[in-house]
């Protein structure tokens, strides 16, 4: 059982729920319908779990080559590729059915698109072919905000689209520091992550551009979502703090520091996103 839980990458699921629940609260202008909220949480969790399972099955060959991932259940042989594929298919089907029955058809369609985007577009097509894999493949991780909004309202407006792009621009500054830390692993596996094929200074230029776009987009939610002072102040402070951390990593790269400590930005990016969406959740109640 522990292996089947591990194959779904629970830590990724937690991060997705951090963006989904606040989006539903914003869409409802307060607490959404409890049944619908539970359905989105369960359906979204199953969708993310199914997509991650397909990813684990397909990437089992390169996972075996990387120290960070060699212990994963399919890579280590604890779960067979066939069993993993069946498990992922069941999870994915259940997620779409739950979203369709208990929320809205649009949410179910978006859920199916999210699964296909991560399991096929990112994992099969992009990951091993382009250094921009995490940029375009990261779009799958942005889908929960659209799903959450569509589940509550049955439609989409500018507010969820802005939130989608906040997460979209956030993904590279979140993931590339991790890739910097484990670039030797990715190089050994032949995965062309940007830090593998480009020097750290080039990577930092890309991180800087995406970070500025992310912060600027987060401020666009103020007019798009008619946000109040809680979100407005939070987005301002968090944006400045995030850019300051990016600048600190940039200075360490510029001075060729012995220890770049890229994981500080990686963990900081998680804190940024969690606090930003917490502000999204609190704002409608103030």
C-alpha atoms as a PDB file:
ATOM      1  CA  UNK A   1       0.000   0.000   0.000  1.00  0.00           C
ATOM      2  CA  UNK A   2       2.830   2.367   0.827  1.00  0.00           C
ATOM      3  CA  UNK A   3       4.319   1.772  -2.621  1.00  0.00           C
ATOM      4  CA  UNK A   4       1.038   2.551  -4.373  1.00  0.00           C
ATOM      5  CA  UNK A   5       0.743   5.763  -2.374  1.00  0.00           C
ATOM      6  CA  UNK A   6       4.338   6.702  -3.202  1.00  0.00           C
ATOM      7  CA  UNK A   7       3.807   6.173  -6.937  1.00  0.00           C
ATOM      8  CA  UNK A   8       1.233   8.988  -6.926  1.00  0.00           C
ATOM      9  CA  UNK A   9       3.811  11.539  -5.635  1.00  0.00           C
ATOM     10  CA  UNK A  10       1.721  12.833  -2.687  1.00  0.00           C
ATOM     11  CA  UNK A  11       3.847  15.950  -2.161  1.00  0.00           C
ATOM     12  CA  UNK A  12       2.896  17.207  -5.619  1.00  0.00           C
ATOM     13  CA  UNK A  13      -0.768  16.546  -4.853  1.00  0.00           C
ATOM     14  CA  UNK A  14      -0.529  18.619  -1.663  1.00  0.00           C
ATOM     15  CA  UNK A  15       0.844  21.546  -3.631  1.00  0.00           C
ATOM     16  CA  UNK A  16      -1.967  21.310  -6.189  1.00  0.00           C
ATOM     17  CA  UNK A  17      -4.618  21.369  -3.469  1.00  0.00           C
ATOM     18  CA  UNK A  18      -3.005  24.490  -2.013  1.00  0.00           C
ATOM     19  CA  UNK A  19      -4.000  26.302  -5.218  1.00  0.00           C
ATOM     20  CA  UNK A  20      -7.361  24.601  -5.806  1.00  0.00           C
ATOM     21  CA  UNK A  21      -9.173  25.218  -2.511  1.00  0.00           C
ATOM     22  CA  UNK A  22      -8.482  28.988  -2.331  1.00  0.00           C
ATOM     23  CA  UNK A  23      -9.573  29.329  -5.949  1.00  0.00           C
ATOM     24  CA  UNK A  24     -12.913  27.704  -5.103  1.00  0.00           C
ATOM     25  CA  UNK A  25     -13.375  30.078  -2.165  1.00  0.00           C
ATOM     26  CA  UNK A  26     -12.651  33.072  -4.398  1.00  0.00           C
ATOM     27  CA  UNK A  27     -15.041  31.771  -7.063  1.00  0.00           C
ATOM     28  CA  UNK A  28     -17.826  31.365  -4.497  1.00  0.00           C
ATOM     29  CA  UNK A  29     -17.083  34.646  -2.751  1.00  0.00           C
ATOM     30  CA  UNK A  30     -16.935  32.701   0.516  1.00  0.00           C
ATOM     31  CA  UNK A  31     -17.362  29.072   1.492  1.00  0.00           C
ATOM     32  CA  UNK A  32     -18.459  27.019  -1.529  1.00  0.00           C
ATOM     33  CA  UNK A  33     -21.013  24.216  -1.424  1.00  0.00           C
ATOM     34  CA  UNK A  34     -19.421  21.529   0.854  1.00  0.00           C
ATOM     35  CA  UNK A  35     -20.328  18.572  -1.403  1.00  0.00           C
ATOM     36  CA  UNK A  36     -18.922  20.267  -4.466  1.00  0.00           C
ATOM     37  CA  UNK A  37     -15.793  21.289  -2.588  1.00  0.00           C
ATOM     38  CA  UNK A  38     -15.202  17.727  -1.390  1.00  0.00           C
ATOM     39  CA  UNK A  39     -15.804  16.411  -4.921  1.00  0.00           C
ATOM     40  CA  UNK A  40     -13.190  18.780  -6.337  1.00  0.00           C
ATOM     41  CA  UNK A  41     -10.668  17.836  -3.663  1.00  0.00           C
ATOM     42  CA  UNK A  42     -11.224  14.100  -4.183  1.00  0.00           C
ATOM     43  CA  UNK A  43     -11.476  14.329  -7.963  1.00  0.00           C
ATOM     44  CA  UNK A  44      -8.480  16.636  -8.219  1.00  0.00           C
ATOM     45  CA  UNK A  45      -6.425  14.406  -5.955  1.00  0.00           C
ATOM     46  CA  UNK A  46      -7.243  11.342  -8.061  1.00  0.00           C
ATOM     47  CA  UNK A  47      -6.447  13.222 -11.291  1.00  0.00           C
ATOM     48  CA  UNK A  48      -3.050  14.325 -10.002  1.00  0.00           C
ATOM     49  CA  UNK A  49      -2.377  10.858  -8.620  1.00  0.00           C
ATOM     50  CA  UNK A  50      -3.293   9.204 -11.908  1.00  0.00           C
ATOM     51  CA  UNK A  51      -1.127  11.546 -13.974  1.00  0.00           C
ATOM     52  CA  UNK A  52       1.823  11.117 -11.596  1.00  0.00           C
ATOM     53  CA  UNK A  53       1.421   7.345 -11.748  1.00  0.00           C
ATOM     54  CA  UNK A  54       1.618   7.379 -15.544  1.00  0.00           C
ATOM     55  CA  UNK A  55       4.707   9.579 -15.232  1.00  0.00           C
ATOM     56  CA  UNK A  56       6.336   7.128 -12.822  1.00  0.00           C
ATOM     57  CA  UNK A  57       5.648   4.213 -15.178  1.00  0.00           C
ATOM     58  CA  UNK A  58       6.940   5.917 -18.314  1.00  0.00           C
ATOM     59  CA  UNK A  59      10.013   7.414 -16.630  1.00  0.00           C
ATOM     60  CA  UNK A  60      11.063   4.226 -14.845  1.00  0.00           C
ATOM     61  CA  UNK A  61      14.147   3.862 -17.068  1.00  0.00           C
ATOM     62  CA  UNK A  62      15.591   7.289 -16.335  1.00  0.00           C
ATOM     63  CA  UNK A  63      14.448   7.159 -12.706  1.00  0.00           C
ATOM     64  CA  UNK A  64      16.708   4.133 -12.268  1.00  0.00           C
ATOM     65  CA  UNK A  65      19.694   6.237 -13.327  1.00  0.00           C
ATOM     66  CA  UNK A  66      19.147   9.112 -10.902  1.00  0.00           C
ATOM     67  CA  UNK A  67      20.014   8.861  -7.238  1.00  0.00           C
ATOM     68  CA  UNK A  68      17.074  11.087  -6.286  1.00  0.00           C
ATOM     69  CA  UNK A  69      14.501   8.849  -7.995  1.00  0.00           C
ATOM     70  CA  UNK A  70      16.000   5.351  -8.055  1.00  0.00           C
ATOM     71  CA  UNK A  71      13.936   4.328  -5.024  1.00  0.00           C
ATOM     72  CA  UNK A  72      10.585   5.055  -6.685  1.00  0.00           C
ATOM     73  CA  UNK A  73       8.293   1.989  -6.727  1.00  0.00           C
ATOM     74  CA  UNK A  74       8.268   1.306 -10.490  1.00  0.00           C
ATOM     75  CA  UNK A  75      11.939   2.175 -10.986  1.00  0.00           C
ATOM     76  CA  UNK A  76      12.937  -0.159  -8.155  1.00  0.00           C
ATOM     77  CA  UNK A  77      10.685  -2.967  -9.386  1.00  0.00           C
ATOM     78  CA  UNK A  78       8.380  -2.908  -6.370  1.00  0.00           C
ATOM     79  CA  UNK A  79       5.434  -2.227  -8.690  1.00  0.00           C
ATOM     80  CA  UNK A  80       5.366  -3.543 -12.262  1.00  0.00           C
ATOM     81  CA  UNK A  81       4.789  -1.255 -15.225  1.00  0.00           C
ATOM     82  CA  UNK A  82       1.559  -3.123 -16.030  1.00  0.00           C
ATOM     83  CA  UNK A  83       0.206  -2.764 -12.496  1.00  0.00           C
ATOM     84  CA  UNK A  84       1.165   0.898 -12.433  1.00  0.00           C
ATOM     85  CA  UNK A  85      -0.590   1.542 -15.744  1.00  0.00           C
ATOM     86  CA  UNK A  86      -3.784  -0.151 -14.542  1.00  0.00           C
ATOM     87  CA  UNK A  87      -3.656   1.756 -11.261  1.00  0.00           C
ATOM     88  CA  UNK A  88      -3.132   5.079 -13.031  1.00  0.00           C
ATOM     89  CA  UNK A  89      -5.983   4.373 -15.441  1.00  0.00           C
ATOM     90  CA  UNK A  90      -8.397   3.583 -12.599  1.00  0.00           C
ATOM     91  CA  UNK A  91      -7.447   6.731 -10.701  1.00  0.00           C
ATOM     92  CA  UNK A  92      -7.798   8.902 -13.804  1.00  0.00           C
ATOM     93  CA  UNK A  93     -11.186   7.458 -14.766  1.00  0.00           C
ATOM     94  CA  UNK A  94     -12.529   7.872 -11.238  1.00  0.00           C
ATOM     95  CA  UNK A  95     -11.374  11.476 -11.110  1.00  0.00           C
ATOM     96  CA  UNK A  96     -13.192  12.451 -14.308  1.00  0.00           C
ATOM     97  CA  UNK A  97     -16.360  10.605 -13.257  1.00  0.00           C
ATOM     98  CA  UNK A  98     -16.425  12.278  -9.830  1.00  0.00           C
ATOM     99  CA  UNK A  99     -15.906  15.732 -11.337  1.00  0.00           C
ATOM    100  CA  UNK A 100     -18.589  15.115 -13.969  1.00  0.00           C
ATOM    101  CA  UNK A 101     -21.195  13.744 -11.557  1.00  0.00           C
ATOM    102  CA  UNK A 102     -20.683  16.033  -8.564  1.00  0.00           C
ATOM    103  CA  UNK A 103     -19.429  19.297 -10.097  1.00  0.00           C
ATOM    104  CA  UNK A 104     -19.753  20.514 -13.692  1.00  0.00           C
ATOM    105  CA  UNK A 105     -19.040  19.107 -17.178  1.00  0.00           C
ATOM    106  CA  UNK A 106     -16.450  21.840 -17.754  1.00  0.00           C
ATOM    107  CA  UNK A 107     -14.534  20.837 -14.629  1.00  0.00           C
ATOM    108  CA  UNK A 108     -14.520  17.200 -15.773  1.00  0.00           C
ATOM    109  CA  UNK A 109     -13.225  18.137 -19.234  1.00  0.00           C
ATOM    110  CA  UNK A 110     -10.487  20.298 -17.707  1.00  0.00           C
ATOM    111  CA  UNK A 111      -9.568  17.429 -15.391  1.00  0.00           C
ATOM    112  CA  UNK A 112      -9.157  15.079 -18.341  1.00  0.00           C
ATOM    113  CA  UNK A 113      -7.055  17.674 -20.171  1.00  0.00           C
ATOM    114  CA  UNK A 114      -4.820  18.093 -17.107  1.00  0.00           C
ATOM    115  CA  UNK A 115      -4.183  14.341 -16.910  1.00  0.00           C
ATOM    116  CA  UNK A 116      -3.367  14.120 -20.620  1.00  0.00           C
ATOM    117  CA  UNK A 117      -1.158  17.216 -20.490  1.00  0.00           C
ATOM    118  CA  UNK A 118       1.052  15.856 -17.711  1.00  0.00           C
ATOM    119  CA  UNK A 119       1.027  12.164 -18.609  1.00  0.00           C
ATOM    120  CA  UNK A 120       1.447  12.562 -22.358  1.00  0.00           C
ATOM    121  CA  UNK A 121       2.429  16.073 -23.456  1.00  0.00           C
ATOM    122  CA  UNK A 122       4.999  16.660 -20.690  1.00  0.00           C
ATOM    123  CA  UNK A 123       6.153  13.136 -19.842  1.00  0.00           C
ATOM    124  CA  UNK A 124       6.208  11.526 -23.296  1.00  0.00           C
ATOM    125  CA  UNK A 125       6.756  14.431 -25.696  1.00  0.00           C
ATOM    126  CA  UNK A 126       8.556  17.262 -23.915  1.00  0.00           C
ATOM    127  CA  UNK A 127      10.594  16.022 -20.972  1.00  0.00           C
ATOM    128  CA  UNK A 128      13.301  14.221 -22.945  1.00  0.00           C
ATOM    129  CA  UNK A 129      13.313  16.541 -25.961  1.00  0.00           C
ATOM    130  CA  UNK A 130      13.551  20.179 -24.886  1.00  0.00           C
ATOM    131  CA  UNK A 131      15.126  22.314 -22.183  1.00  0.00           C
ATOM    132  CA  UNK A 132      11.807  24.170 -21.959  1.00  0.00           C
ATOM    133  CA  UNK A 133      10.090  20.942 -20.896  1.00  0.00           C
ATOM    134  CA  UNK A 134       9.147  22.148 -17.442  1.00  0.00           C
ATOM    135  CA  UNK A 135       7.804  25.429 -18.814  1.00  0.00           C
ATOM    136  CA  UNK A 136       5.218  24.012 -21.193  1.00  0.00           C
ATOM    137  CA  UNK A 137       4.735  20.784 -19.310  1.00  0.00           C
ATOM    138  CA  UNK A 138       4.131  22.829 -16.190  1.00  0.00           C
ATOM    139  CA  UNK A 139       0.842  23.989 -17.689  1.00  0.00           C
ATOM    140  CA  UNK A 140      -0.676  20.755 -16.387  1.00  0.00           C
ATOM    141  CA  UNK A 141       0.107  21.873 -12.847  1.00  0.00           C
ATOM    142  CA  UNK A 142      -1.787  25.109 -13.484  1.00  0.00           C
ATOM    143  CA  UNK A 143      -5.029  23.352 -14.407  1.00  0.00           C
ATOM    144  CA  UNK A 144      -6.342  22.869 -10.823  1.00  0.00           C
ATOM    145  CA  UNK A 145      -7.176  26.584 -10.536  1.00  0.00           C
ATOM    146  CA  UNK A 146      -9.282  26.369 -13.694  1.00  0.00           C
ATOM    147  CA  UNK A 147     -10.889  23.128 -12.497  1.00  0.00           C
ATOM    148  CA  UNK A 148     -11.703  24.596  -9.094  1.00  0.00           C
ATOM    149  CA  UNK A 149     -13.254  27.727 -10.574  1.00  0.00           C
ATOM    150  CA  UNK A 150     -15.215  25.797 -13.221  1.00  0.00           C
ATOM    151  CA  UNK A 151     -16.495  23.368 -10.589  1.00  0.00           C
ATOM    152  CA  UNK A 152     -18.061  26.222  -8.621  1.00  0.00           C
ATOM    153  CA  UNK A 153     -19.292  28.515 -11.386  1.00  0.00           C
ATOM    154  CA  UNK A 154     -19.552  26.255 -14.456  1.00  0.00           C
ATOM    155  CA  UNK A 155     -17.580  28.823 -16.450  1.00  0.00           C
ATOM    156  CA  UNK A 156     -14.257  30.670 -16.568  1.00  0.00           C
ATOM    157  CA  UNK A 157     -13.468  34.368 -16.174  1.00  0.00           C
ATOM    158  CA  UNK A 158     -10.301  36.469 -16.152  1.00  0.00           C
ATOM    159  CA  UNK A 159      -9.612  35.767 -12.461  1.00  0.00           C
ATOM    160  CA  UNK A 160      -8.883  32.024 -12.847  1.00  0.00           C
ATOM    161  CA  UNK A 161      -6.936  32.723 -16.038  1.00  0.00           C
ATOM    162  CA  UNK A 162      -4.705  35.147 -14.107  1.00  0.00           C
ATOM    163  CA  UNK A 163      -4.234  32.537 -11.359  1.00  0.00           C
ATOM    164  CA  UNK A 164      -3.394  29.965 -14.047  1.00  0.00           C
ATOM    165  CA  UNK A 165      -0.571  32.184 -15.308  1.00  0.00           C
ATOM    166  CA  UNK A 166       0.677  32.912 -11.793  1.00  0.00           C
ATOM    167  CA  UNK A 167       1.298  29.173 -11.380  1.00  0.00           C
ATOM    168  CA  UNK A 168       2.555  28.885 -14.973  1.00  0.00           C
ATOM    169  CA  UNK A 169       5.253  31.544 -14.494  1.00  0.00           C
ATOM    170  CA  UNK A 170       5.990  30.154 -10.998  1.00  0.00           C
ATOM    171  CA  UNK A 171       6.888  26.671 -12.224  1.00  0.00           C
ATOM    172  CA  UNK A 172      10.331  27.427 -13.772  1.00  0.00           C
ATOM    173  CA  UNK A 173      11.663  29.460 -10.797  1.00  0.00           C
ATOM    174  CA  UNK A 174      10.395  26.632  -8.589  1.00  0.00           C
ATOM    175  CA  UNK A 175      11.791  23.699 -10.546  1.00  0.00           C
ATOM    176  CA  UNK A 176      15.024  24.997 -12.083  1.00  0.00           C
ATOM    177  CA  UNK A 177      16.716  25.531  -8.680  1.00  0.00           C
ATOM    178  CA  UNK A 178      15.967  21.861  -7.961  1.00  0.00           C
ATOM    179  CA  UNK A 179      17.444  20.999 -11.359  1.00  0.00           C
ATOM    180  CA  UNK A 180      20.534  23.032 -10.481  1.00  0.00           C
ATOM    181  CA  UNK A 181      20.951  20.988  -7.321  1.00  0.00           C
ATOM    182  CA  UNK A 182      20.536  17.682  -9.164  1.00  0.00           C
ATOM    183  CA  UNK A 183      21.905  18.609 -12.584  1.00  0.00           C
ATOM    184  CA  UNK A 184      24.412  15.744 -12.512  1.00  0.00           C
ATOM    185  CA  UNK A 185      21.558  13.299 -12.012  1.00  0.00           C
ATOM    186  CA  UNK A 186      19.625  14.731 -14.949  1.00  0.00           C
ATOM    187  CA  UNK A 187      22.757  14.742 -17.113  1.00  0.00           C
ATOM    188  CA  UNK A 188      23.415  11.079 -16.297  1.00  0.00           C
ATOM    189  CA  UNK A 189      19.851  10.214 -17.295  1.00  0.00           C
ATOM    190  CA  UNK A 190      20.069  12.271 -20.490  1.00  0.00           C
ATOM    191  CA  UNK A 191      17.228  14.615 -19.540  1.00  0.00           C
ATOM    192  CA  UNK A 192      17.875  18.058 -21.098  1.00  0.00           C
ATOM    193  CA  UNK A 193      16.791  20.205 -18.169  1.00  0.00           C
ATOM    194  CA  UNK A 194      17.975  23.790 -18.686  1.00  0.00           C
ATOM    195  CA  UNK A 195      20.648  23.600 -15.936  1.00  0.00           C
ATOM    196  CA  UNK A 196      22.103  20.553 -17.723  1.00  0.00           C
ATOM    197  CA  UNK A 197      22.618  22.216 -21.102  1.00  0.00           C
ATOM    198  CA  UNK A 198      23.194  25.819 -20.002  1.00  0.00           C
ATOM    199  CA  UNK A 199      25.589  27.466 -17.503  1.00  0.00           C
ATOM    200  CA  UNK A 200      24.168  28.688 -14.187  1.00  0.00           C
ATOM    201  CA  UNK A 201      24.275  32.345 -15.294  1.00  0.00           C
ATOM    202  CA  UNK A 202      22.003  31.558 -18.249  1.00  0.00           C
ATOM    203  CA  UNK A 203      19.683  29.594 -15.993  1.00  0.00           C
ATOM    204  CA  UNK A 204      19.486  32.555 -13.622  1.00  0.00           C
ATOM    205  CA  UNK A 205      18.549  34.920 -16.446  1.00  0.00           C
ATOM    206  CA  UNK A 206      15.636  32.654 -17.286  1.00  0.00           C
ATOM    207  CA  UNK A 207      14.640  32.343 -13.623  1.00  0.00           C
ATOM    208  CA  UNK A 208      14.749  36.126 -13.281  1.00  0.00           C
ATOM    209  CA  UNK A 209      12.475  36.714 -16.287  1.00  0.00           C
ATOM    210  CA  UNK A 210       9.885  34.159 -15.171  1.00  0.00           C
ATOM    211  CA  UNK A 211       9.983  35.475 -11.610  1.00  0.00           C
ATOM    212  CA  UNK A 212       9.243  39.028 -12.700  1.00  0.00           C
ATOM    213  CA  UNK A 213       6.401  37.791 -14.918  1.00  0.00           C
ATOM    214  CA  UNK A 214       4.995  35.764 -12.010  1.00  0.00           C
ATOM    215  CA  UNK A 215       5.024  38.649  -9.554  1.00  0.00           C
ATOM    216  CA  UNK A 216       3.563  41.080 -12.097  1.00  0.00           C
ATOM    217  CA  UNK A 217       0.799  38.601 -12.941  1.00  0.00           C
ATOM    218  CA  UNK A 218      -0.008  38.107  -9.263  1.00  0.00           C
ATOM    219  CA  UNK A 219      -0.663  41.841  -9.031  1.00  0.00           C
ATOM    220  CA  UNK A 220      -2.990  41.653 -12.056  1.00  0.00           C
ATOM    221  CA  UNK A 221      -5.365  39.581  -9.944  1.00  0.00           C
ATOM    222  CA  UNK A 222      -6.180  42.704  -7.895  1.00  0.00           C
ATOM    223  CA  UNK A 223      -8.299  44.239 -10.671  1.00  0.00           C
ATOM    224  CA  UNK A 224      -9.219  40.940 -12.350  1.00  0.00           C
ATOM    225  CA  UNK A 225     -10.549  39.359  -9.157  1.00  0.00           C
ATOM    226  CA  UNK A 226     -11.665  42.559  -7.450  1.00  0.00           C
ATOM    227  CA  UNK A 227      -9.319  41.715  -4.581  1.00  0.00           C
ATOM    228  CA  UNK A 228      -9.260  43.587  -1.288  1.00  0.00           C
ATOM    229  CA  UNK A 229      -6.487  44.822   0.966  1.00  0.00           C
ATOM    230  CA  UNK A 230      -5.521  41.402   2.380  1.00  0.00           C
ATOM    231  CA  UNK A 231      -4.518  40.003  -0.994  1.00  0.00           C
ATOM    232  CA  UNK A 232      -3.174  43.285  -2.329  1.00  0.00           C
ATOM    233  CA  UNK A 233      -0.760  43.799   0.570  1.00  0.00           C
ATOM    234  CA  UNK A 234       0.195  40.118   0.680  1.00  0.00           C
ATOM    235  CA  UNK A 235       0.911  39.960  -3.056  1.00  0.00           C
ATOM    236  CA  UNK A 236       3.101  43.062  -2.785  1.00  0.00           C
ATOM    237  CA  UNK A 237       5.156  41.840   0.180  1.00  0.00           C
ATOM    238  CA  UNK A 238       5.477  38.260  -1.078  1.00  0.00           C
ATOM    239  CA  UNK A 239       6.464  39.419  -4.565  1.00  0.00           C
ATOM    240  CA  UNK A 240       9.248  41.641  -3.274  1.00  0.00           C
ATOM    241  CA  UNK A 241      10.473  38.893  -0.928  1.00  0.00           C
ATOM    242  CA  UNK A 242      10.541  36.331  -3.741  1.00  0.00           C
ATOM    243  CA  UNK A 243      12.443  38.615  -6.091  1.00  0.00           C
ATOM    244  CA  UNK A 244      14.916  39.348  -3.299  1.00  0.00           C
ATOM    245  CA  UNK A 245      15.603  35.622  -2.924  1.00  0.00           C
ATOM    246  CA  UNK A 246      16.068  35.322  -6.684  1.00  0.00           C
ATOM    247  CA  UNK A 247      18.545  38.216  -6.535  1.00  0.00           C
ATOM    248  CA  UNK A 248      20.472  36.495  -3.726  1.00  0.00           C
ATOM    249  CA  UNK A 249      20.839  33.330  -5.805  1.00  0.00           C
ATOM    250  CA  UNK A 250      21.812  35.444  -8.818  1.00  0.00           C
ATOM    251  CA  UNK A 251      24.599  37.110  -6.806  1.00  0.00           C
ATOM    252  CA  UNK A 252      25.890  33.724  -5.624  1.00  0.00           C
ATOM    253  CA  UNK A 253      25.986  32.564  -9.248  1.00  0.00           C
ATOM    254  CA  UNK A 254      27.664  35.783 -10.436  1.00  0.00           C
ATOM    255  CA  UNK A 255      30.412  35.456  -7.831  1.00  0.00           C
ATOM    256  CA  UNK A 256      30.879  31.728  -8.502  1.00  0.00           C
ATOM    257  CA  UNK A 257      30.156  30.893  -4.872  1.00  0.00           C
ATOM    258  CA  UNK A 258      31.289  27.452  -3.776  1.00  0.00           C
ATOM    259  CA  UNK A 259      27.797  26.655  -2.540  1.00  0.00           C
ATOM    260  CA  UNK A 260      25.026  28.116  -4.690  1.00  0.00           C
ATOM    261  CA  UNK A 261      22.399  26.795  -2.259  1.00  0.00           C
ATOM    262  CA  UNK A 262      19.678  26.725  -4.963  1.00  0.00           C
ATOM    263  CA  UNK A 263      17.340  24.785  -2.694  1.00  0.00           C
ATOM    264  CA  UNK A 264      16.722  27.970  -0.696  1.00  0.00           C
ATOM    265  CA  UNK A 265      14.843  29.357  -3.691  1.00  0.00           C
ATOM    266  CA  UNK A 266      13.152  26.010  -4.292  1.00  0.00           C
ATOM    267  CA  UNK A 267      11.732  25.862  -0.773  1.00  0.00           C
ATOM    268  CA  UNK A 268      11.067  29.593  -0.800  1.00  0.00           C
ATOM    269  CA  UNK A 269       8.973  29.220  -3.940  1.00  0.00           C
ATOM    270  CA  UNK A 270       6.723  26.712  -2.182  1.00  0.00           C
ATOM    271  CA  UNK A 271       6.269  29.098   0.736  1.00  0.00           C
ATOM    272  CA  UNK A 272       5.516  31.953  -1.671  1.00  0.00           C
ATOM    273  CA  UNK A 273       2.797  30.043  -3.506  1.00  0.00           C
ATOM    274  CA  UNK A 274       1.213  28.710  -0.331  1.00  0.00           C
ATOM    275  CA  UNK A 275       1.045  32.139   1.314  1.00  0.00           C
ATOM    276  CA  UNK A 276      -0.170  33.860  -1.850  1.00  0.00           C
ATOM    277  CA  UNK A 277      -3.078  31.429  -2.217  1.00  0.00           C
ATOM    278  CA  UNK A 278      -3.771  31.647   1.500  1.00  0.00           C
ATOM    279  CA  UNK A 279      -4.297  35.370   0.907  1.00  0.00           C
ATOM    280  CA  UNK A 280      -6.617  34.482  -1.983  1.00  0.00           C
ATOM    281  CA  UNK A 281      -8.667  32.334   0.412  1.00  0.00           C
ATOM    282  CA  UNK A 282      -8.815  34.904   3.214  1.00  0.00           C
ATOM    283  CA  UNK A 283      -9.569  37.948   1.070  1.00  0.00           C
ATOM    284  CA  UNK A 284     -13.269  37.186   0.331  1.00  0.00           C
ATOM    285  CA  UNK A 285     -14.031  37.032   4.067  1.00  0.00           C
ATOM    286  CA  UNK A 286     -12.557  40.462   4.910  1.00  0.00           C
END
